Amino acid sequence: MGSAESRRLKNAQAAVDFIEKHLDGSLSLDRTAAAVHYSKYHLHRVFADTTGMTIHDYTLRRQLT
């Protein structure tokens, strides 16, 4: 695994960790991006490429479970 791929995985994991800790609150792409120190555009792209779903879809699915 290359360093760029490793970095993407770490950043996607940081977003997942933040989302998991805040499932009972109001989550938005802006808030999640700010928490992991990424622009919302870059985080959206990295998260979707890494997980195969958008942050919005991931958050909705987790809140429903």
PDB file of N, CA and C in Angstrom:
ATOM      1  N   MET A   1       0.850  -1.179   0.000  1.00  0.00           N
ATOM      2  CA  MET A   1       0.000   0.000   0.000  1.00  0.00           C
ATOM      3  C   MET A   1       0.893   1.239   0.000  1.00  0.00           C
ATOM      4  N   GLY A   2       0.633   2.164  -0.921  1.00  0.00           N
ATOM      5  CA  GLY A   2       1.420   3.379  -1.024  1.00  0.00           C
ATOM      6  C   GLY A   2       1.058   4.380   0.056  1.00  0.00           C
ATOM      7  N   SER A   3       1.905   5.366   0.228  1.00  0.00           N
ATOM      8  CA  SER A   3       1.652   6.349   1.282  1.00  0.00           C
ATOM      9  C   SER A   3       0.401   7.182   1.000  1.00  0.00           C
ATOM     10  N   ALA A   4       0.120   7.467  -0.270  1.00  0.00           N
ATOM     11  CA  ALA A   4      -1.089   8.232  -0.605  1.00  0.00           C
ATOM     12  C   ALA A   4      -2.335   7.424  -0.264  1.00  0.00           C
ATOM     13  N   GLU A   5      -2.310   6.142  -0.581  1.00  0.00           N
ATOM     14  CA  GLU A   5      -3.459   5.293  -0.263  1.00  0.00           C
ATOM     15  C   GLU A   5      -3.616   5.145   1.246  1.00  0.00           C
ATOM     16  N   SER A   6      -2.517   4.993   1.936  1.00  0.00           N
ATOM     17  CA  SER A   6      -2.545   4.883   3.393  1.00  0.00           C
ATOM     18  C   SER A   6      -3.122   6.149   4.018  1.00  0.00           C
ATOM     19  N   ARG A   7      -2.730   7.299   3.487  1.00  0.00           N
ATOM     20  CA  ARG A   7      -3.234   8.582   3.980  1.00  0.00           C
ATOM     21  C   ARG A   7      -4.742   8.703   3.752  1.00  0.00           C
ATOM     22  N   ARG A   8      -5.199   8.278   2.557  1.00  0.00           N
ATOM     23  CA  ARG A   8      -6.644   8.316   2.259  1.00  0.00           C
ATOM     24  C   ARG A   8      -7.408   7.438   3.226  1.00  0.00           C
ATOM     25  N   LEU A   9      -6.883   6.246   3.506  1.00  0.00           N
ATOM     26  CA  LEU A   9      -7.552   5.343   4.450  1.00  0.00           C
ATOM     27  C   LEU A   9      -7.620   5.956   5.845  1.00  0.00           C
ATOM     28  N   LYS A  10      -6.535   6.566   6.287  1.00  0.00           N
ATOM     29  CA  LYS A  10      -6.517   7.205   7.613  1.00  0.00           C
ATOM     30  C   LYS A  10      -7.533   8.338   7.684  1.00  0.00           C
ATOM     31  N   ASN A  11      -7.609   9.137   6.624  1.00  0.00           N
ATOM     32  CA  ASN A  11      -8.543  10.261   6.629  1.00  0.00           C
ATOM     33  C   ASN A  11      -9.993   9.787   6.550  1.00  0.00           C
ATOM     34  N   ALA A  12     -10.257   8.755   5.764  1.00  0.00           N
ATOM     35  CA  ALA A  12     -11.612   8.195   5.721  1.00  0.00           C
ATOM     36  C   ALA A  12     -11.962   7.605   7.075  1.00  0.00           C
ATOM     37  N   GLN A  13     -11.009   6.938   7.716  1.00  0.00           N
ATOM     38  CA  GLN A  13     -11.253   6.370   9.042  1.00  0.00           C
ATOM     39  C   GLN A  13     -11.513   7.465  10.069  1.00  0.00           C
ATOM     40  N   ALA A  14     -10.801   8.570   9.969  1.00  0.00           N
ATOM     41  CA  ALA A  14     -11.032   9.697  10.881  1.00  0.00           C
ATOM     42  C   ALA A  14     -12.455  10.225  10.708  1.00  0.00           C
ATOM     43  N   ALA A  15     -12.931  10.306   9.477  1.00  0.00           N
ATOM     44  CA  ALA A  15     -14.303  10.754   9.226  1.00  0.00           C
ATOM     45  C   ALA A  15     -15.303   9.758   9.796  1.00  0.00           C
ATOM     46  N   VAL A  16     -15.054   8.463   9.588  1.00  0.00           N
ATOM     47  CA  VAL A  16     -15.947   7.421  10.140  1.00  0.00           C
ATOM     48  C   VAL A  16     -15.975   7.519  11.655  1.00  0.00           C
ATOM     49  N   ASP A  17     -14.824   7.680  12.285  1.00  0.00           N
ATOM     50  CA  ASP A  17     -14.764   7.797  13.741  1.00  0.00           C
ATOM     51  C   ASP A  17     -15.579   8.987  14.233  1.00  0.00           C
ATOM     52  N   PHE A  18     -15.441  10.130  13.558  1.00  0.00           N
ATOM     53  CA  PHE A  18     -16.202  11.316  13.943  1.00  0.00           C
ATOM     54  C   PHE A  18     -17.705  11.069  13.799  1.00  0.00           C
ATOM     55  N   ILE A  19     -18.092  10.490  12.680  1.00  0.00           N
ATOM     56  CA  ILE A  19     -19.513  10.206  12.436  1.00  0.00           C
ATOM     57  C   ILE A  19     -20.058   9.266  13.499  1.00  0.00           C
ATOM     58  N   GLU A  20     -19.323   8.209  13.806  1.00  0.00           N
ATOM     59  CA  GLU A  20     -19.772   7.238  14.797  1.00  0.00           C
ATOM     60  C   GLU A  20     -19.966   7.873  16.168  1.00  0.00           C
ATOM     61  N   LYS A  21     -19.114   8.813  16.526  1.00  0.00           N
ATOM     62  CA  LYS A  21     -19.216   9.483  17.832  1.00  0.00           C
ATOM     63  C   LYS A  21     -20.367  10.484  17.884  1.00  0.00           C
ATOM     64  N   HIS A  22     -20.876  10.903  16.725  1.00  0.00           N
ATOM     65  CA  HIS A  22     -21.885  11.957  16.685  1.00  0.00           C
ATOM     66  C   HIS A  22     -23.164  11.532  15.962  1.00  0.00           C
ATOM     67  N   LEU A  23     -23.462  10.244  15.967  1.00  0.00           N
ATOM     68  CA  LEU A  23     -24.648   9.746  15.257  1.00  0.00           C
ATOM     69  C   LEU A  23     -25.954  10.309  15.813  1.00  0.00           C
ATOM     70  N   ASP A  24     -25.964  10.657  17.087  1.00  0.00           N
ATOM     71  CA  ASP A  24     -27.201  11.147  17.698  1.00  0.00           C
ATOM     72  C   ASP A  24     -27.423  12.638  17.472  1.00  0.00           C
ATOM     73  N   GLY A  25     -26.484  13.294  16.820  1.00  0.00           N
ATOM     74  CA  GLY A  25     -26.608  14.731  16.578  1.00  0.00           C
ATOM     75  C   GLY A  25     -26.801  15.037  15.111  1.00  0.00           C
ATOM     76  N   SER A  26     -26.727  16.302  14.806  1.00  0.00           N
ATOM     77  CA  SER A  26     -26.860  16.748  13.427  1.00  0.00           C
ATOM     78  C   SER A  26     -25.494  16.689  12.760  1.00  0.00           C
ATOM     79  N   LEU A  27     -25.379  15.847  11.754  1.00  0.00           N
ATOM     80  CA  LEU A  27     -24.117  15.712  11.038  1.00  0.00           C
ATOM     81  C   LEU A  27     -24.261  16.285   9.637  1.00  0.00           C
ATOM     82  N   SER A  28     -23.254  16.991   9.212  1.00  0.00           N
ATOM     83  CA  SER A  28     -23.241  17.523   7.855  1.00  0.00           C
ATOM     84  C   SER A  28     -21.847  17.314   7.281  1.00  0.00           C
ATOM     85  N   LEU A  29     -21.747  17.417   5.995  1.00  0.00           N
ATOM     86  CA  LEU A  29     -20.448  17.310   5.351  1.00  0.00           C
ATOM     87  C   LEU A  29     -19.529  18.420   5.847  1.00  0.00           C
ATOM     88  N   ASP A  30     -20.053  19.625   6.001  1.00  0.00           N
ATOM     89  CA  ASP A  30     -19.248  20.751   6.484  1.00  0.00           C
ATOM     90  C   ASP A  30     -18.666  20.462   7.865  1.00  0.00           C
ATOM     91  N   ARG A  31     -19.504  19.982   8.760  1.00  0.00           N
ATOM     92  CA  ARG A  31     -19.069  19.709  10.136  1.00  0.00           C
ATOM     93  C   ARG A  31     -18.046  18.577  10.175  1.00  0.00           C
ATOM     94  N   THR A  32     -18.294  17.526   9.415  1.00  0.00           N
ATOM     95  CA  THR A  32     -17.373  16.393   9.382  1.00  0.00           C
ATOM     96  C   THR A  32     -16.039  16.802   8.776  1.00  0.00           C
ATOM     97  N   ALA A  33     -16.076  17.545   7.695  1.00  0.00           N
ATOM     98  CA  ALA A  33     -14.846  18.007   7.043  1.00  0.00           C
ATOM     99  C   ALA A  33     -14.030  18.897   7.986  1.00  0.00           C
ATOM    100  N   ALA A  34     -14.702  19.774   8.702  1.00  0.00           N
ATOM    101  CA  ALA A  34     -14.003  20.644   9.648  1.00  0.00           C
ATOM    102  C   ALA A  34     -13.353  19.822  10.760  1.00  0.00           C
ATOM    103  N   ALA A  35     -14.024  18.779  11.198  1.00  0.00           N
ATOM    104  CA  ALA A  35     -13.506  17.945  12.279  1.00  0.00           C
ATOM    105  C   ALA A  35     -12.239  17.190  11.874  1.00  0.00           C
ATOM    106  N   VAL A  36     -12.139  16.834  10.607  1.00  0.00           N
ATOM    107  CA  VAL A  36     -10.958  16.083  10.154  1.00  0.00           C
ATOM    108  C   VAL A  36      -9.989  16.967   9.354  1.00  0.00           C
ATOM    109  N   HIS A  37     -10.248  18.271   9.340  1.00  0.00           N
ATOM    110  CA  HIS A  37      -9.359  19.269   8.731  1.00  0.00           C
ATOM    111  C   HIS A  37      -9.142  19.052   7.235  1.00  0.00           C
ATOM    112  N   TYR A  38     -10.249  18.829   6.519  1.00  0.00           N
ATOM    113  CA  TYR A  38     -10.238  18.663   5.071  1.00  0.00           C
ATOM    114  C   TYR A  38     -11.258  19.617   4.478  1.00  0.00           C
ATOM    115  N   SER A  39     -11.058  19.985   3.235  1.00  0.00           N
ATOM    116  CA  SER A  39     -12.126  20.708   2.566  1.00  0.00           C
ATOM    117  C   SER A  39     -13.253  19.712   2.335  1.00  0.00           C
ATOM    118  N   LYS A  40     -14.474  20.195   2.288  1.00  0.00           N
ATOM    119  CA  LYS A  40     -15.605  19.278   2.120  1.00  0.00           C
ATOM    120  C   LYS A  40     -15.559  18.583   0.762  1.00  0.00           C
ATOM    121  N   TYR A  41     -15.033  19.263  -0.230  1.00  0.00           N
ATOM    122  CA  TYR A  41     -14.943  18.667  -1.568  1.00  0.00           C
ATOM    123  C   TYR A  41     -13.945  17.517  -1.597  1.00  0.00           C
ATOM    124  N   HIS A  42     -12.795  17.743  -0.997  1.00  0.00           N
ATOM    125  CA  HIS A  42     -11.771  16.702  -0.976  1.00  0.00           C
ATOM    126  C   HIS A  42     -12.215  15.529  -0.107  1.00  0.00           C
ATOM    127  N   LEU A  43     -12.786  15.804   1.046  1.00  0.00           N
ATOM    128  CA  LEU A  43     -13.255  14.732   1.924  1.00  0.00           C
ATOM    129  C   LEU A  43     -14.334  13.915   1.227  1.00  0.00           C
ATOM    130  N   HIS A  44     -15.254  14.568   0.565  1.00  0.00           N
ATOM    131  CA  HIS A  44     -16.319  13.855  -0.144  1.00  0.00           C
ATOM    132  C   HIS A  44     -15.723  12.891  -1.171  1.00  0.00           C
ATOM    133  N   ARG A  45     -14.766  13.359  -1.920  1.00  0.00           N
ATOM    134  CA  ARG A  45     -14.135  12.537  -2.960  1.00  0.00           C
ATOM    135  C   ARG A  45     -13.348  11.373  -2.342  1.00  0.00           C
ATOM    136  N   VAL A  46     -12.540  11.662  -1.330  1.00  0.00           N
ATOM    137  CA  VAL A  46     -11.731  10.626  -0.685  1.00  0.00           C
ATOM    138  C   VAL A  46     -12.619   9.594  -0.011  1.00  0.00           C
ATOM    139  N   PHE A  47     -13.643  10.038   0.689  1.00  0.00           N
ATOM    140  CA  PHE A  47     -14.534   9.121   1.404  1.00  0.00           C
ATOM    141  C   PHE A  47     -15.263   8.217   0.420  1.00  0.00           C
ATOM    142  N   ALA A  48     -15.805   8.788  -0.635  1.00  0.00           N
ATOM    143  CA  ALA A  48     -16.533   7.995  -1.630  1.00  0.00           C
ATOM    144  C   ALA A  48     -15.614   7.008  -2.338  1.00  0.00           C
ATOM    145  N   ASP A  49     -14.407   7.431  -2.670  1.00  0.00           N
ATOM    146  CA  ASP A  49     -13.459   6.533  -3.327  1.00  0.00           C
ATOM    147  C   ASP A  49     -13.030   5.394  -2.408  1.00  0.00           C
ATOM    148  N   THR A  50     -12.920   5.680  -1.126  1.00  0.00           N
ATOM    149  CA  THR A  50     -12.434   4.692  -0.164  1.00  0.00           C
ATOM    150  C   THR A  50     -13.525   3.725   0.279  1.00  0.00           C
ATOM    151  N   THR A  51     -14.726   4.238   0.527  1.00  0.00           N
ATOM    152  CA  THR A  51     -15.795   3.401   1.096  1.00  0.00           C
ATOM    153  C   THR A  51     -16.814   2.933   0.070  1.00  0.00           C
ATOM    154  N   GLY A  52     -16.869   3.602  -1.065  1.00  0.00           N
ATOM    155  CA  GLY A  52     -17.862   3.244  -2.073  1.00  0.00           C
ATOM    156  C   GLY A  52     -19.222   3.885  -1.837  1.00  0.00           C
ATOM    157  N   MET A  53     -19.303   4.777  -0.861  1.00  0.00           N
ATOM    158  CA  MET A  53     -20.553   5.513  -0.623  1.00  0.00           C
ATOM    159  C   MET A  53     -20.228   6.917  -0.151  1.00  0.00           C
ATOM    160  N   THR A  54     -21.197   7.809  -0.297  1.00  0.00           N
ATOM    161  CA  THR A  54     -20.985   9.183   0.146  1.00  0.00           C
ATOM    162  C   THR A  54     -21.090   9.259   1.664  1.00  0.00           C
ATOM    163  N   ILE A  55     -20.590  10.336   2.226  1.00  0.00           N
ATOM    164  CA  ILE A  55     -20.701  10.543   3.670  1.00  0.00           C
ATOM    165  C   ILE A  55     -22.171  10.608   4.066  1.00  0.00           C
ATOM    166  N   HIS A  56     -22.966  11.262   3.257  1.00  0.00           N
ATOM    167  CA  HIS A  56     -24.400  11.374   3.537  1.00  0.00           C
ATOM    168  C   HIS A  56     -25.051   9.990   3.605  1.00  0.00           C
ATOM    169  N   ASP A  57     -24.785   9.148   2.611  1.00  0.00           N
ATOM    170  CA  ASP A  57     -25.350   7.794   2.605  1.00  0.00           C
ATOM    171  C   ASP A  57     -24.865   6.979   3.796  1.00  0.00           C
ATOM    172  N   TYR A  58     -23.576   7.071   4.094  1.00  0.00           N
ATOM    173  CA  TYR A  58     -23.020   6.344   5.237  1.00  0.00           C
ATOM    174  C   TYR A  58     -23.698   6.788   6.528  1.00  0.00           C
ATOM    175  N   THR A  59     -23.826   8.097   6.712  1.00  0.00           N
ATOM    176  CA  THR A  59     -24.434   8.641   7.936  1.00  0.00           C
ATOM    177  C   THR A  59     -25.892   8.196   8.060  1.00  0.00           C
ATOM    178  N   LEU A  60     -26.643   8.287   6.991  1.00  0.00           N
ATOM    179  CA  LEU A  60     -28.046   7.846   7.042  1.00  0.00           C
ATOM    180  C   LEU A  60     -28.163   6.375   7.395  1.00  0.00           C
ATOM    181  N   ARG A  61     -27.380   5.554   6.770  1.00  0.00           N
ATOM    182  CA  ARG A  61     -27.424   4.115   7.060  1.00  0.00           C
ATOM    183  C   ARG A  61     -27.074   3.811   8.500  1.00  0.00           C
ATOM    184  N   ARG A  62     -26.065   4.490   9.026  1.00  0.00           N
ATOM    185  CA  ARG A  62     -25.665   4.266  10.424  1.00  0.00           C
ATOM    186  C   ARG A  62     -26.731   4.789  11.389  1.00  0.00           C
ATOM    187  N   GLN A  63     -27.355   5.905  11.077  1.00  0.00           N
ATOM    188  CA  GLN A  63     -28.391   6.433  11.958  1.00  0.00           C
ATOM    189  C   GLN A  63     -29.623   5.531  11.966  1.00  0.00           C
ATOM    190  N   LEU A  64     -29.898   4.860  10.849  1.00  0.00           N
ATOM    191  CA  LEU A  64     -31.031   3.967  10.792  1.00  0.00           C
ATOM    192  C   LEU A  64     -30.802   2.667  11.563  1.00  0.00           C
ATOM    193  N   THR A  65     -29.529   2.283  11.687  1.00  0.00           N
ATOM    194  CA  THR A  65     -29.235   1.075  12.455  1.00  0.00           C
ATOM    195  C   THR A  65     -29.013   1.450  13.875  1.00  0.00           C
TER     196      THR A  65
END
